[in-house]
C-alpha atoms as a PDB file:
ATOM      1  CA  MET A   1     -13.488  -4.034  13.324  1.00  0.00           C
ATOM      2  CA  GLN A   2     -11.740  -0.729  13.947  1.00  0.00           C
ATOM      3  CA  THR A   3     -13.463   2.475  12.775  1.00  0.00           C
ATOM      4  CA  LEU A   4     -11.579   5.646  11.908  1.00  0.00           C
ATOM      5  CA  GLU A   5     -13.389   8.927  11.228  1.00  0.00           C
ATOM      6  CA  VAL A   6     -11.392  11.823   9.794  1.00  0.00           C
ATOM      7  CA  ALA A   7     -12.026  15.161   8.132  1.00  0.00           C
ATOM      8  CA  GLN A   8     -11.467  15.422   4.398  1.00  0.00           C
ATOM      9  CA  ASN A   9      -7.829  16.224   3.486  1.00  0.00           C
ATOM     10  CA  ASP A  10      -6.537  15.466   6.987  1.00  0.00           C
ATOM     11  CA  ILE A  11      -3.337  13.512   7.342  1.00  0.00           C
ATOM     12  CA  PRO A  12      -3.882  11.795  10.697  1.00  0.00           C
ATOM     13  CA  LEU A  13      -1.336   9.969  12.783  1.00  0.00           C
ATOM     14  CA  ASN A  14      -0.117   6.662  11.408  1.00  0.00           C
ATOM     15  CA  LEU A  15      -2.704   3.883  11.282  1.00  0.00           C
ATOM     16  CA  ARG A  16      -1.445   1.219  13.721  1.00  0.00           C
ATOM     17  CA  ALA A  17      -2.680  -2.333  13.918  1.00  0.00           C
ATOM     18  CA  ASN A  18      -1.824  -5.495  15.799  1.00  0.00           C
ATOM     19  CA  LEU A  19      -2.428  -8.155  13.168  1.00  0.00           C
ATOM     20  CA  LYS A  20      -4.241 -11.250  14.410  1.00  0.00           C
ATOM     21  CA  TYR A  21      -5.686 -14.451  13.021  1.00  0.00           C
ATOM     22  CA  SER A  22      -9.405 -15.176  13.376  1.00  0.00           C
ATOM     23  CA  ASP A  23      -8.661 -17.168  16.561  1.00  0.00           C
ATOM     24  CA  ASP A  24      -7.143 -13.965  18.051  1.00  0.00           C
ATOM     25  CA  THR A  25      -3.532 -15.215  17.981  1.00  0.00           C
ATOM     26  CA  THR A  26      -0.889 -12.747  16.841  1.00  0.00           C
ATOM     27  CA  VAL A  27       0.444 -12.997  13.279  1.00  0.00           C
ATOM     28  CA  ASN A  28       4.222 -13.489  13.332  1.00  0.00           C
ATOM     29  CA  LEU A  29       5.427 -11.090  10.621  1.00  0.00           C
ATOM     30  CA  SER A  30       9.051 -12.288  10.497  1.00  0.00           C
ATOM     31  CA  GLY A  31      10.217 -12.014   6.879  1.00  0.00           C
ATOM     32  CA  ALA A  32       6.738 -11.010   5.645  1.00  0.00           C
ATOM     33  CA  ALA A  33       5.659  -8.100   3.455  1.00  0.00           C
ATOM     34  CA  ILE A  34       2.569  -6.169   4.568  1.00  0.00           C
ATOM     35  CA  HIS A  35       0.346  -3.982   2.369  1.00  0.00           C
ATOM     36  CA  PHE A  36      -2.680  -1.875   3.253  1.00  0.00           C
ATOM     37  CA  HIS A  37      -5.471  -1.805   0.667  1.00  0.00           C
ATOM     38  CA  MET A  38      -8.349   0.686   0.888  1.00  0.00           C
ATOM     39  CA  ARG A  39     -11.345   1.016  -1.443  1.00  0.00           C
ATOM     40  CA  GLN A  40     -14.378   3.280  -1.352  1.00  0.00           C
ATOM     41  CA  ILE A  41     -17.803   1.728  -0.784  1.00  0.00           C
ATOM     42  CA  VAL A  42     -20.499   3.197  -3.075  1.00  0.00           C
ATOM     43  CA  GLY A  43     -24.015   1.756  -2.942  1.00  0.00           C
ATOM     44  CA  GLY A  44     -22.752  -1.221  -0.948  1.00  0.00           C
ATOM     45  CA  VAL A  45     -20.150  -2.105  -3.608  1.00  0.00           C
ATOM     46  CA  TYR A  46     -16.380  -1.586  -3.530  1.00  0.00           C
ATOM     47  CA  THR A  47     -14.949   0.672  -6.222  1.00  0.00           C
ATOM     48  CA  VAL A  48     -12.646  -0.982  -8.750  1.00  0.00           C
ATOM     49  CA  THR A  49      -9.639   1.254  -8.237  1.00  0.00           C
ATOM     50  CA  PRO A  50      -8.008   1.194  -4.790  1.00  0.00           C
ATOM     51  CA  LYS A  51      -7.726   4.562  -3.048  1.00  0.00           C
ATOM     52  CA  VAL A  52      -4.701   3.338  -1.092  1.00  0.00           C
ATOM     53  CA  ASP A  53      -2.423   0.404  -1.934  1.00  0.00           C
ATOM     54  CA  ARG A  54       0.785   0.841  -0.004  1.00  0.00           C
ATOM     55  CA  ALA A  55       3.400  -1.097   1.924  1.00  0.00           C
ATOM     56  CA  CYS A  56       3.236  -0.920   5.710  1.00  0.00           C
ATOM     57  CA  VAL A  57       6.058  -0.742   8.205  1.00  0.00           C
ATOM     58  CA  ILE A  58       6.709  -3.465  10.783  1.00  0.00           C
ATOM     59  CA  GLU A  59       6.813  -1.523  14.024  1.00  0.00           C
ATOM     60  CA  THR A  60       9.336  -3.652  15.902  1.00  0.00           C
ATOM     61  CA  PRO A  61      11.372  -5.835  13.532  1.00  0.00           C
ATOM     62  CA  PRO A  62      11.354  -8.769  13.084  1.00  0.00           C
ATOM     63  CA  GLY A  63       7.619  -8.466  13.773  1.00  0.00           C
ATOM     64  CA  THR A  64       6.941 -11.370  16.087  1.00  0.00           C
ATOM     65  CA  ASP A  65       4.523  -9.150  18.037  1.00  0.00           C
ATOM     66  CA  GLY A  66       2.336  -8.472  14.934  1.00  0.00           C
ATOM     67  CA  TRP A  67       2.428  -4.650  15.138  1.00  0.00           C
ATOM     68  CA  VAL A  68       2.483  -2.661  11.874  1.00  0.00           C
ATOM     69  CA  TYR A  69       1.654   0.856  10.799  1.00  0.00           C
ATOM     70  CA  LEU A  70       0.668   2.713   7.662  1.00  0.00           C
ATOM     71  CA  VAL A  71       1.999   6.198   6.986  1.00  0.00           C
ATOM     72  CA  TRP A  72      -0.817   8.236   5.409  1.00  0.00           C
ATOM     73  CA  ALA A  73       0.104  10.357   2.400  1.00  0.00           C
ATOM     74  CA  SER A  74      -1.353  13.521   0.937  1.00  0.00           C
ATOM     75  CA  GLY A  75      -4.399  12.603  -1.152  1.00  0.00           C
ATOM     76  CA  ASP A  76      -5.243   9.406   0.733  1.00  0.00           C
ATOM     77  CA  LEU A  77      -8.185  11.037   2.504  1.00  0.00           C
ATOM     78  CA  ASP A  78      -9.267  13.718   0.021  1.00  0.00           C
ATOM     79  CA  THR A  79     -12.566  12.073  -0.987  1.00  0.00           C
ATOM     80  CA  ILE A  80     -15.655  12.279   1.219  1.00  0.00           C
ATOM     81  CA  GLY A  81     -17.289   8.908   1.773  1.00  0.00           C
ATOM     82  CA  ARG A  82     -17.043   5.504   3.379  1.00  0.00           C
ATOM     83  CA  PHE A  83     -14.057   3.249   2.788  1.00  0.00           C
ATOM     84  CA  ARG A  84     -12.910  -0.158   3.930  1.00  0.00           C
ATOM     85  CA  GLY A  85      -9.284  -1.088   4.404  1.00  0.00           C
ATOM     86  CA  GLU A  86      -7.438  -4.306   5.115  1.00  0.00           C
ATOM     87  CA  PHE A  87      -3.931  -5.429   5.875  1.00  0.00           C
ATOM     88  CA  GLN A  88      -2.560  -8.136   3.589  1.00  0.00           C
ATOM     89  CA  VAL A  89       0.402 -10.194   4.786  1.00  0.00           C
ATOM     90  CA  THR A  90       2.542 -12.089   2.277  1.00  0.00           C
ATOM     91  CA  PHE A  91       4.815 -14.623   3.940  1.00  0.00           C
ATOM     92  CA  PRO A  92       8.180 -15.732   2.492  1.00  0.00           C
ATOM     93  CA  SER A  93       6.481 -19.018   1.460  1.00  0.00           C
ATOM     94  CA  GLY A  94       4.076 -17.029  -0.753  1.00  0.00           C
ATOM     95  CA  LYS A  95       1.088 -17.685   1.526  1.00  0.00           C
ATOM     96  CA  ILE A  96      -1.193 -14.646   1.843  1.00  0.00           C
ATOM     97  CA  VAL A  97      -3.311 -13.780   4.880  1.00  0.00           C
ATOM     98  CA  THR A  98      -5.715 -10.852   5.109  1.00  0.00           C
ATOM     99  CA  SER A  99      -6.186  -9.382   8.571  1.00  0.00           C
ATOM    100  CA  ASN A 100      -7.788  -6.545  10.511  1.00  0.00           C
ATOM    101  CA  LEU A 101     -10.531  -4.850   8.507  1.00  0.00           C
ATOM    102  CA  VAL A 102     -10.846  -1.105   9.111  1.00  0.00           C
ATOM    103  CA  ASP A 103     -13.884   1.069   8.370  1.00  0.00           C
ATOM    104  CA  ILE A 104     -12.817   4.582   7.385  1.00  0.00           C
ATOM    105  CA  ILE A 105     -15.254   7.478   7.219  1.00  0.00           C
ATOM    106  CA  VAL A 106     -14.050  10.670   5.551  1.00  0.00           C
ATOM    107  CA  ARG A 107     -16.367  13.553   6.421  1.00  0.00           C
ATOM    108  CA  GLN A 108     -16.528  17.072   5.052  1.00  0.00           C
ATOM    109  CA  GLU A 109     -14.167  19.603   6.592  1.00  0.00           C
ATOM    110  CA  MET A 110     -15.842  21.989   9.025  1.00  0.00           C
ATOM    111  CA  ALA A 111     -13.400  24.819   8.537  1.00  0.00           C
END
């Protein structure tokens, strides 16, 4: 699992991921829609409302190499705490696959 630590209110570089199945084979993203979902973890439980729920961009269409990225927006990382994110792939058939969990730690700004 990838871990990302950022300062509160930062807008870091795009979050890139090479989406893979549990057997480590690349997910072919041809024709698929990809969303990134991120929720805060409080007391070991996910919050009800997602902090981020946004479409991702396939890095090299048509996406046979599995690379995607998320463009962070203002407000995505404005809350101090621990978050978990995941990439959700919806194929043209309607099948949904969740891939690549990401731990995100938002720490207090130092300046």
